[in-house]
Structures are given as C-alpha cells and as structure tokens.
PDB file of N, CA and C in Angstrom:
ATOM      1  N   MET A   1      41.356 -61.457  17.563  1.00  0.00           N
ATOM      2  CA  MET A   1      42.697 -61.384  17.521  1.00  0.00           C
ATOM      3  C   MET A   1      43.289 -59.782  18.436  1.00  0.00           C
ATOM      4  N   PRO A   2      44.046 -60.203  19.447  1.00  0.00           N
ATOM      5  CA  PRO A   2      44.598 -58.569  20.154  1.00  0.00           C
ATOM      6  C   PRO A   2      45.567 -58.063  19.248  1.00  0.00           C
ATOM      7  N   TYR A   3      45.458 -56.847  18.931  1.00  0.00           N
ATOM      8  CA  TYR A   3      46.087 -55.954  17.849  1.00  0.00           C
ATOM      9  C   TYR A   3      47.330 -54.927  18.665  1.00  0.00           C
ATOM     10  N   THR A   4      48.072 -54.806  18.066  1.00  0.00           N
ATOM     11  CA  THR A   4      49.046 -53.713  19.451  1.00  0.00           C
ATOM     12  C   THR A   4      50.002 -52.490  18.102  1.00  0.00           C
ATOM     13  N   ILE A   5      49.288 -51.428  18.038  1.00  0.00           N
ATOM     14  CA  ILE A   5      49.973 -50.241  17.166  1.00  0.00           C
ATOM     15  C   ILE A   5      50.816 -49.374  17.979  1.00  0.00           C
ATOM     16  N   ARG A   6      52.492 -49.386  17.742  1.00  0.00           N
ATOM     17  CA  ARG A   6      53.041 -48.803  18.390  1.00  0.00           C
ATOM     18  C   ARG A   6      53.923 -48.010  17.733  1.00  0.00           C
ATOM     19  N   LYS A   7      53.894 -46.498  18.031  1.00  0.00           N
ATOM     20  CA  LYS A   7      54.774 -45.896  17.122  1.00  0.00           C
ATOM     21  C   LYS A   7      56.141 -46.034  17.557  1.00  0.00           C
ATOM     22  N   SER A   8      56.935 -46.769  16.492  1.00  0.00           N
ATOM     23  CA  SER A   8      58.376 -46.707  16.654  1.00  0.00           C
ATOM     24  C   SER A   8      58.690 -46.468  15.054  1.00  0.00           C
ATOM     25  N   ASP A   9      60.265 -46.162  14.988  1.00  0.00           N
ATOM     26  CA  ASP A   9      60.567 -46.175  13.825  1.00  0.00           C
ATOM     27  C   ASP A   9      60.914 -47.684  13.094  1.00  0.00           C
ATOM     28  N   CYS A  10      60.510 -47.811  11.947  1.00  0.00           N
ATOM     29  CA  CYS A  10      61.078 -48.957  11.150  1.00  0.00           C
ATOM     30  C   CYS A  10      61.332 -49.062   9.833  1.00  0.00           C
ATOM     31  N   ARG A  11      61.314 -50.047   9.438  1.00  0.00           N
ATOM     32  CA  ARG A  11      61.521 -49.898   7.389  1.00  0.00           C
ATOM     33  C   ARG A  11      60.451 -51.067   7.191  1.00  0.00           C
ATOM     34  N   GLN A  12      59.785 -50.877   5.886  1.00  0.00           N
ATOM     35  CA  GLN A  12      59.034 -51.755   5.211  1.00  0.00           C
ATOM     36  C   GLN A  12      60.064 -52.724   4.484  1.00  0.00           C
ATOM     37  N   SER A  13      59.452 -53.692   3.946  1.00  0.00           N
ATOM     38  CA  SER A  13      60.000 -54.628   3.094  1.00  0.00           C
ATOM     39  C   SER A  13      60.740 -53.868   1.742  1.00  0.00           C
ATOM     40  N   SER A  14      59.684 -52.809   1.082  1.00  0.00           N
ATOM     41  CA  SER A  14      60.209 -52.004  -0.188  1.00  0.00           C
ATOM     42  C   SER A  14      61.144 -51.110   0.528  1.00  0.00           C
ATOM     43  N   GLY A  15      61.507 -51.009   1.671  1.00  0.00           N
ATOM     44  CA  GLY A  15      62.947 -49.866   1.657  1.00  0.00           C
ATOM     45  C   GLY A  15      62.252 -48.849   2.510  1.00  0.00           C
ATOM     46  N   LYS A  16      61.220 -48.413   2.469  1.00  0.00           N
ATOM     47  CA  LYS A  16      60.429 -47.168   2.724  1.00  0.00           C
ATOM     48  C   LYS A  16      60.698 -46.950   4.162  1.00  0.00           C
ATOM     49  N   LYS A  17      60.800 -45.886   4.716  1.00  0.00           N
ATOM     50  CA  LYS A  17      60.795 -45.731   6.549  1.00  0.00           C
ATOM     51  C   LYS A  17      59.365 -45.888   6.775  1.00  0.00           C
ATOM     52  N   GLY A  18      59.421 -46.337   8.159  1.00  0.00           N
ATOM     53  CA  GLY A  18      57.653 -46.303   8.622  1.00  0.00           C
ATOM     54  C   GLY A  18      57.637 -45.808  10.200  1.00  0.00           C
ATOM     55  N   SER A  19      56.604 -45.384  10.609  1.00  0.00           N
ATOM     56  CA  SER A  19      56.764 -44.702  11.890  1.00  0.00           C
ATOM     57  C   SER A  19      55.710 -45.513  12.820  1.00  0.00           C
ATOM     58  N   TYR A  20      54.940 -46.559  12.246  1.00  0.00           N
ATOM     59  CA  TYR A  20      54.152 -47.524  13.043  1.00  0.00           C
ATOM     60  C   TYR A  20      54.472 -48.622  12.961  1.00  0.00           C
ATOM     61  N   THR A  21      54.176 -49.175  13.789  1.00  0.00           N
ATOM     62  CA  THR A  21      54.177 -50.882  13.856  1.00  0.00           C
ATOM     63  C   THR A  21      53.357 -51.553  14.336  1.00  0.00           C
ATOM     64  N   LEU A  22      52.695 -52.609  13.569  1.00  0.00           N
ATOM     65  CA  LEU A  22      51.583 -53.254  13.940  1.00  0.00           C
ATOM     66  C   LEU A  22      51.898 -54.589  14.370  1.00  0.00           C
ATOM     67  N   SER A  23      51.580 -55.217  15.553  1.00  0.00           N
ATOM     68  CA  SER A  23      51.784 -56.332  15.816  1.00  0.00           C
ATOM     69  C   SER A  23      50.656 -57.190  16.510  1.00  0.00           C
ATOM     70  N   TYR A  24      50.593 -58.866  15.532  1.00  0.00           N
ATOM     71  CA  TYR A  24      49.452 -59.275  16.280  1.00  0.00           C
ATOM     72  C   TYR A  24      50.100 -60.842  15.973  1.00  0.00           C
ATOM     73  N   THR A  25      49.376 -61.814  16.665  1.00  0.00           N
ATOM     74  CA  THR A  25      49.461 -63.079  16.299  1.00  0.00           C
ATOM     75  C   THR A  25      48.185 -63.810  15.547  1.00  0.00           C
ATOM     76  N   ASP A  26      48.480 -64.630  14.760  1.00  0.00           N
ATOM     77  CA  ASP A  26      47.313 -64.930  13.917  1.00  0.00           C
ATOM     78  C   ASP A  26      46.814 -66.241  14.549  1.00  0.00           C
ATOM     79  N   LYS A  27      45.519 -66.664  14.017  1.00  0.00           N
ATOM     80  CA  LYS A  27      45.069 -67.720  14.456  1.00  0.00           C
ATOM     81  C   LYS A  27      45.996 -68.937  14.523  1.00  0.00           C
ATOM     82  N   LYS A  28      46.771 -69.287  13.557  1.00  0.00           N
ATOM     83  CA  LYS A  28      47.701 -70.298  14.045  1.00  0.00           C
ATOM     84  C   LYS A  28      48.539 -70.172  14.910  1.00  0.00           C
ATOM     85  N   GLY A  29      48.710 -69.192  15.487  1.00  0.00           N
ATOM     86  CA  GLY A  29      49.556 -68.725  16.994  1.00  0.00           C
ATOM     87  C   GLY A  29      51.013 -68.043  16.353  1.00  0.00           C
ATOM     88  N   LYS A  30      50.894 -67.887  14.887  1.00  0.00           N
ATOM     89  CA  LYS A  30      52.081 -67.019  14.525  1.00  0.00           C
ATOM     90  C   LYS A  30      52.093 -65.965  14.312  1.00  0.00           C
ATOM     91  N   LYS A  31      53.133 -65.155  14.962  1.00  0.00           N
ATOM     92  CA  LYS A  31      53.338 -64.170  15.128  1.00  0.00           C
ATOM     93  C   LYS A  31      53.734 -62.864  14.116  1.00  0.00           C
ATOM     94  N   HIS A  32      53.203 -61.788  14.135  1.00  0.00           N
ATOM     95  CA  HIS A  32      53.760 -60.752  12.637  1.00  0.00           C
ATOM     96  C   HIS A  32      53.986 -59.129  13.410  1.00  0.00           C
ATOM     97  N   SER A  33      54.789 -58.598  12.748  1.00  0.00           N
ATOM     98  CA  SER A  33      54.751 -57.448  12.965  1.00  0.00           C
ATOM     99  C   SER A  33      55.106 -56.813  11.476  1.00  0.00           C
ATOM    100  N   ASN A  34      54.328 -55.840  11.569  1.00  0.00           N
ATOM    101  CA  ASN A  34      54.254 -55.053  10.163  1.00  0.00           C
ATOM    102  C   ASN A  34      54.551 -53.320  10.351  1.00  0.00           C
ATOM    103  N   CYS A  35      55.116 -52.852   9.299  1.00  0.00           N
ATOM    104  CA  CYS A  35      55.572 -51.523   9.403  1.00  0.00           C
ATOM    105  C   CYS A  35      54.537 -50.677   8.418  1.00  0.00           C
ATOM    106  N   HIS A  36      54.343 -49.397   9.019  1.00  0.00           N
ATOM    107  CA  HIS A  36      53.510 -48.856   8.551  1.00  0.00           C
ATOM    108  C   HIS A  36      53.897 -47.438   8.678  1.00  0.00           C
ATOM    109  N   THR A  37      53.152 -46.203   7.543  1.00  0.00           N
ATOM    110  CA  THR A  37      53.880 -44.990   7.525  1.00  0.00           C
ATOM    111  C   THR A  37      52.754 -44.003   8.205  1.00  0.00           C
ATOM    112  N   SER A  38      51.586 -44.539   8.529  1.00  0.00           N
ATOM    113  CA  SER A  38      50.538 -43.717   9.578  1.00  0.00           C
ATOM    114  C   SER A  38      49.974 -44.538  10.066  1.00  0.00           C
ATOM    115  N   LYS A  39      49.505 -43.906  11.447  1.00  0.00           N
ATOM    116  CA  LYS A  39      48.610 -45.176  12.364  1.00  0.00           C
ATOM    117  C   LYS A  39      47.041 -45.159  11.555  1.00  0.00           C
ATOM    118  N   LYS A  40      46.902 -44.363  10.451  1.00  0.00           N
ATOM    119  CA  LYS A  40      45.697 -45.000   9.839  1.00  0.00           C
ATOM    120  C   LYS A  40      45.804 -46.127   8.735  1.00  0.00           C
ATOM    121  N   ASN A  41      47.129 -46.207   8.342  1.00  0.00           N
ATOM    122  CA  ASN A  41      47.239 -47.448   7.396  1.00  0.00           C
ATOM    123  C   ASN A  41      47.445 -49.000   8.256  1.00  0.00           C
ATOM    124  N   ALA A  42      47.904 -48.570   9.492  1.00  0.00           N
ATOM    125  CA  ALA A  42      48.117 -49.787  10.502  1.00  0.00           C
ATOM    126  C   ALA A  42      46.515 -50.029  10.688  1.00  0.00           C
ATOM    127  N   GLN A  43      45.700 -49.290  10.975  1.00  0.00           N
ATOM    128  CA  GLN A  43      43.994 -49.551  11.594  1.00  0.00           C
ATOM    129  C   GLN A  43      43.389 -50.389  10.072  1.00  0.00           C
ATOM    130  N   ALA A  44      43.827 -49.520   9.110  1.00  0.00           N
ATOM    131  CA  ALA A  44      43.302 -50.362   8.010  1.00  0.00           C
ATOM    132  C   ALA A  44      43.547 -51.476   7.563  1.00  0.00           C
ATOM    133  N   GLN A  45      45.022 -52.077   7.938  1.00  0.00           N
ATOM    134  CA  GLN A  45      45.164 -53.356   7.856  1.00  0.00           C
ATOM    135  C   GLN A  45      44.656 -54.407   8.633  1.00  0.00           C
ATOM    136  N   ILE A  46      44.498 -53.827   9.840  1.00  0.00           N
ATOM    137  CA  ILE A  46      43.317 -54.569  11.124  1.00  0.00           C
ATOM    138  C   ILE A  46      41.708 -55.014   9.989  1.00  0.00           C
ATOM    139  N   GLY A  47      41.346 -53.596   9.794  1.00  0.00           N
ATOM    140  CA  GLY A  47      40.468 -53.878   9.142  1.00  0.00           C
ATOM    141  C   GLY A  47      40.643 -55.183   8.193  1.00  0.00           C
ATOM    142  N   ALA A  48      41.432 -55.131   7.143  1.00  0.00           N
ATOM    143  CA  ALA A  48      41.338 -55.846   6.012  1.00  0.00           C
ATOM    144  C   ALA A  48      41.534 -57.673   6.683  1.00  0.00           C
ATOM    145  N   ILE A  49      42.482 -57.685   7.919  1.00  0.00           N
ATOM    146  CA  ILE A  49      42.469 -58.854   8.358  1.00  0.00           C
ATOM    147  C   ILE A  49      41.095 -59.588   8.577  1.00  0.00           C
ATOM    148  N   GLU A  50      40.466 -58.748   9.520  1.00  0.00           N
ATOM    149  CA  GLU A  50      39.254 -59.214   9.766  1.00  0.00           C
ATOM    150  C   GLU A  50      38.411 -59.042   9.095  1.00  0.00           C
ATOM    151  N   MET A  51      38.249 -58.638   7.826  1.00  0.00           N
ATOM    152  CA  MET A  51      37.003 -58.684   7.091  1.00  0.00           C
ATOM    153  C   MET A  51      36.742 -59.907   6.378  1.00  0.00           C
ATOM    154  N   PRO A  52      35.585 -60.786   6.362  1.00  0.00           N
ATOM    155  CA  PRO A  52      35.355 -61.467   5.895  1.00  0.00           C
ATOM    156  C   PRO A  52      35.928 -62.114   4.670  1.00  0.00           C
ATOM    157  N   GLU A  53      36.385 -63.236   3.866  1.00  0.00           N
ATOM    158  CA  GLU A  53      36.610 -63.135   2.711  1.00  0.00           C
ATOM    159  C   GLU A  53      35.242 -62.835   1.443  1.00  0.00           C
ATOM    160  N   SER A  54      35.495 -61.972   0.816  1.00  0.00           N
ATOM    161  CA  SER A  54      34.473 -61.568  -0.261  1.00  0.00           C
ATOM    162  C   SER A  54      33.802 -62.864  -0.856  1.00  0.00           C
ATOM    163  N   ASN A  55      34.794 -63.912  -1.258  1.00  0.00           N
ATOM    164  CA  ASN A  55      34.355 -65.394  -1.642  1.00  0.00           C
ATOM    165  C   ASN A  55      33.474 -65.697  -1.086  1.00  0.00           C
ATOM    166  N   GLU A  56      33.546 -66.128   0.227  1.00  0.00           N
ATOM    167  CA  GLU A  56      32.566 -66.990   0.940  1.00  0.00           C
ATOM    168  C   GLU A  56      31.259 -66.280   1.094  1.00  0.00           C
ATOM    169  N   VAL A  57      31.223 -65.009   1.373  1.00  0.00           N
ATOM    170  CA  VAL A  57      30.002 -64.078   1.405  1.00  0.00           C
ATOM    171  C   VAL A  57      29.224 -64.165   0.127  1.00  0.00           C
ATOM    172  N   ASP A  58      29.763 -64.198  -1.060  1.00  0.00           N
ATOM    173  CA  ASP A  58      29.327 -63.869  -2.243  1.00  0.00           C
ATOM    174  C   ASP A  58      28.717 -65.249  -2.752  1.00  0.00           C
ATOM    175  N   SER A  59      29.386 -66.386  -2.240  1.00  0.00           N
ATOM    176  CA  SER A  59      28.935 -67.852  -2.678  1.00  0.00           C
ATOM    177  C   SER A  59      27.773 -68.077  -1.846  1.00  0.00           C
ATOM    178  N   GLU A  60      27.504 -67.770  -1.003  1.00  0.00           N
ATOM    179  CA  GLU A  60      26.429 -68.011   0.123  1.00  0.00           C
ATOM    180  C   GLU A  60      25.335 -67.133  -0.560  1.00  0.00           C
ATOM    181  N   ASN A  61      25.350 -65.760  -1.088  1.00  0.00           N
ATOM    182  CA  ASN A  61      24.213 -65.115  -1.585  1.00  0.00           C
ATOM    183  C   ASN A  61      23.896 -66.166  -2.719  1.00  0.00           C
ATOM    184  N   THR A  62      25.060 -66.214  -3.837  1.00  0.00           N
ATOM    185  CA  THR A  62      24.298 -66.622  -5.124  1.00  0.00           C
ATOM    186  C   THR A  62      23.845 -67.915  -4.574  1.00  0.00           C
ATOM    187  N   LEU A  63      23.884 -68.753  -3.825  1.00  0.00           N
ATOM    188  CA  LEU A  63      23.378 -70.283  -3.586  1.00  0.00           C
ATOM    189  C   LEU A  63      21.817 -69.985  -3.004  1.00  0.00           C
ATOM    190  N   GLU A  64      21.773 -69.011  -2.296  1.00  0.00           N
ATOM    191  CA  GLU A  64      20.338 -68.559  -2.013  1.00  0.00           C
ATOM    192  C   GLU A  64      19.365 -68.002  -3.148  1.00  0.00           C
ATOM    193  N   GLU A  65      20.176 -67.206  -3.599  1.00  0.00           N
ATOM    194  CA  GLU A  65      19.678 -66.322  -5.102  1.00  0.00           C
ATOM    195  C   GLU A  65      18.788 -67.691  -5.594  1.00  0.00           C
ATOM    196  N   SER A  66      19.848 -68.773  -6.213  1.00  0.00           N
ATOM    197  CA  SER A  66      19.516 -69.839  -7.010  1.00  0.00           C
ATOM    198  C   SER A  66      18.321 -70.698  -6.324  1.00  0.00           C
ATOM    199  N   ILE A  67      18.499 -70.980  -4.912  1.00  0.00           N
ATOM    200  CA  ILE A  67      17.598 -71.675  -4.372  1.00  0.00           C
ATOM    201  C   ILE A  67      16.036 -71.058  -4.735  1.00  0.00           C
ATOM    202  N   MET A  68      16.071 -69.965  -4.584  1.00  0.00           N
ATOM    203  CA  MET A  68      14.899 -69.221  -4.815  1.00  0.00           C
ATOM    204  C   MET A  68      14.325 -68.546  -5.939  1.00  0.00           C
ATOM    205  N   ILE A  69      15.179 -68.834  -7.100  1.00  0.00           N
ATOM    206  CA  ILE A  69      14.894 -68.346  -8.468  1.00  0.00           C
ATOM    207  C   ILE A  69      14.172 -69.794  -8.898  1.00  0.00           C
ATOM    208  N   THR A  70      14.786 -71.091  -8.367  1.00  0.00           N
ATOM    209  CA  THR A  70      14.274 -72.315  -8.530  1.00  0.00           C
ATOM    210  C   THR A  70      12.879 -72.620  -8.073  1.00  0.00           C
ATOM    211  N   ILE A  71      12.665 -71.919  -7.224  1.00  0.00           N
ATOM    212  CA  ILE A  71      11.611 -71.862  -6.042  1.00  0.00           C
ATOM    213  C   ILE A  71      10.275 -71.408  -6.734  1.00  0.00           C
ATOM    214  N   ILE A  72      10.707 -69.964  -7.296  1.00  0.00           N
ATOM    215  CA  ILE A  72       9.737 -68.895  -8.040  1.00  0.00           C
ATOM    216  C   ILE A  72       9.417 -69.800  -9.350  1.00  0.00           C
ATOM    217  N   GLU A  73      10.451 -70.301  -9.921  1.00  0.00           N
ATOM    218  CA  GLU A  73      10.193 -71.044 -11.320  1.00  0.00           C
ATOM    219  C   GLU A  73       9.167 -72.082 -11.325  1.00  0.00           C
ATOM    220  N   GLU A  74       9.425 -72.911 -10.433  1.00  0.00           N
ATOM    221  CA  GLU A  74       8.451 -74.187  -9.738  1.00  0.00           C
ATOM    222  C   GLU A  74       7.288 -73.735  -9.730  1.00  0.00           C
ATOM    223  N   LEU A  75       6.763 -72.489  -8.813  1.00  0.00           N
ATOM    224  CA  LEU A  75       5.583 -72.136  -8.734  1.00  0.00           C
ATOM    225  C   LEU A  75       5.007 -71.740 -10.015  1.00  0.00           C
ATOM    226  N   LEU A  76       5.633 -70.909 -10.437  1.00  0.00           N
ATOM    227  CA  LEU A  76       4.937 -70.394 -12.197  1.00  0.00           C
ATOM    228  C   LEU A  76       5.018 -71.093 -12.717  1.00  0.00           C
ATOM    229  N   CYS A  77       5.396 -72.178 -12.952  1.00  0.00           N
ATOM    230  CA  CYS A  77       5.125 -73.596 -13.679  1.00  0.00           C
ATOM    231  C   CYS A  77       3.943 -74.178 -13.425  1.00  0.00           C
ATOM    232  N   LEU A  78       3.282 -74.197 -12.418  1.00  0.00           N
ATOM    233  CA  LEU A  78       2.212 -74.660 -11.415  1.00  0.00           C
ATOM    234  C   LEU A  78       0.939 -74.642 -12.131  1.00  0.00           C
TER     235      LEU A  78
END
C-alpha cells in the first residue's frame, strides 16, 4: 500500500495536537488519514499495519511443532 506522510497541523481524536498526517488506502479501498505527533510515530504505524498478525504466525509454528513431536514419538515407540 502506498503511504504518504505529510507535515501539517492536525488534531488527534483525543484532542492532542499533531504535526504529521499519515494518509493511505487500505486493501478494501477505504481511505484513511491519521494524525501523529512525530514522523517516527507515523512510520511506526506503517510498520504496525504491514506486520503480519502474530496469531497467524504462531498457529503455523504450533502446527509444525505438533507434527514434528508426533513423528518423533512414533519413531521412538518403534
């Protein structure tokens, strides 16, 4: 997704003033505009958006681990 960080005065939903606006369009086509107090915070949000969900990664690892444990147990019992 293309992200745009612009330096402009804005106001967060909490009422706090910000200096950077992050604009992007999500996978569903919805446009978003978020206010941040620093460029670093705006970049951190991009990282959070792009990061795969931890549940998906954990469930894949758990499945692989359980299969390996089952195979090892079967080999040891023979």
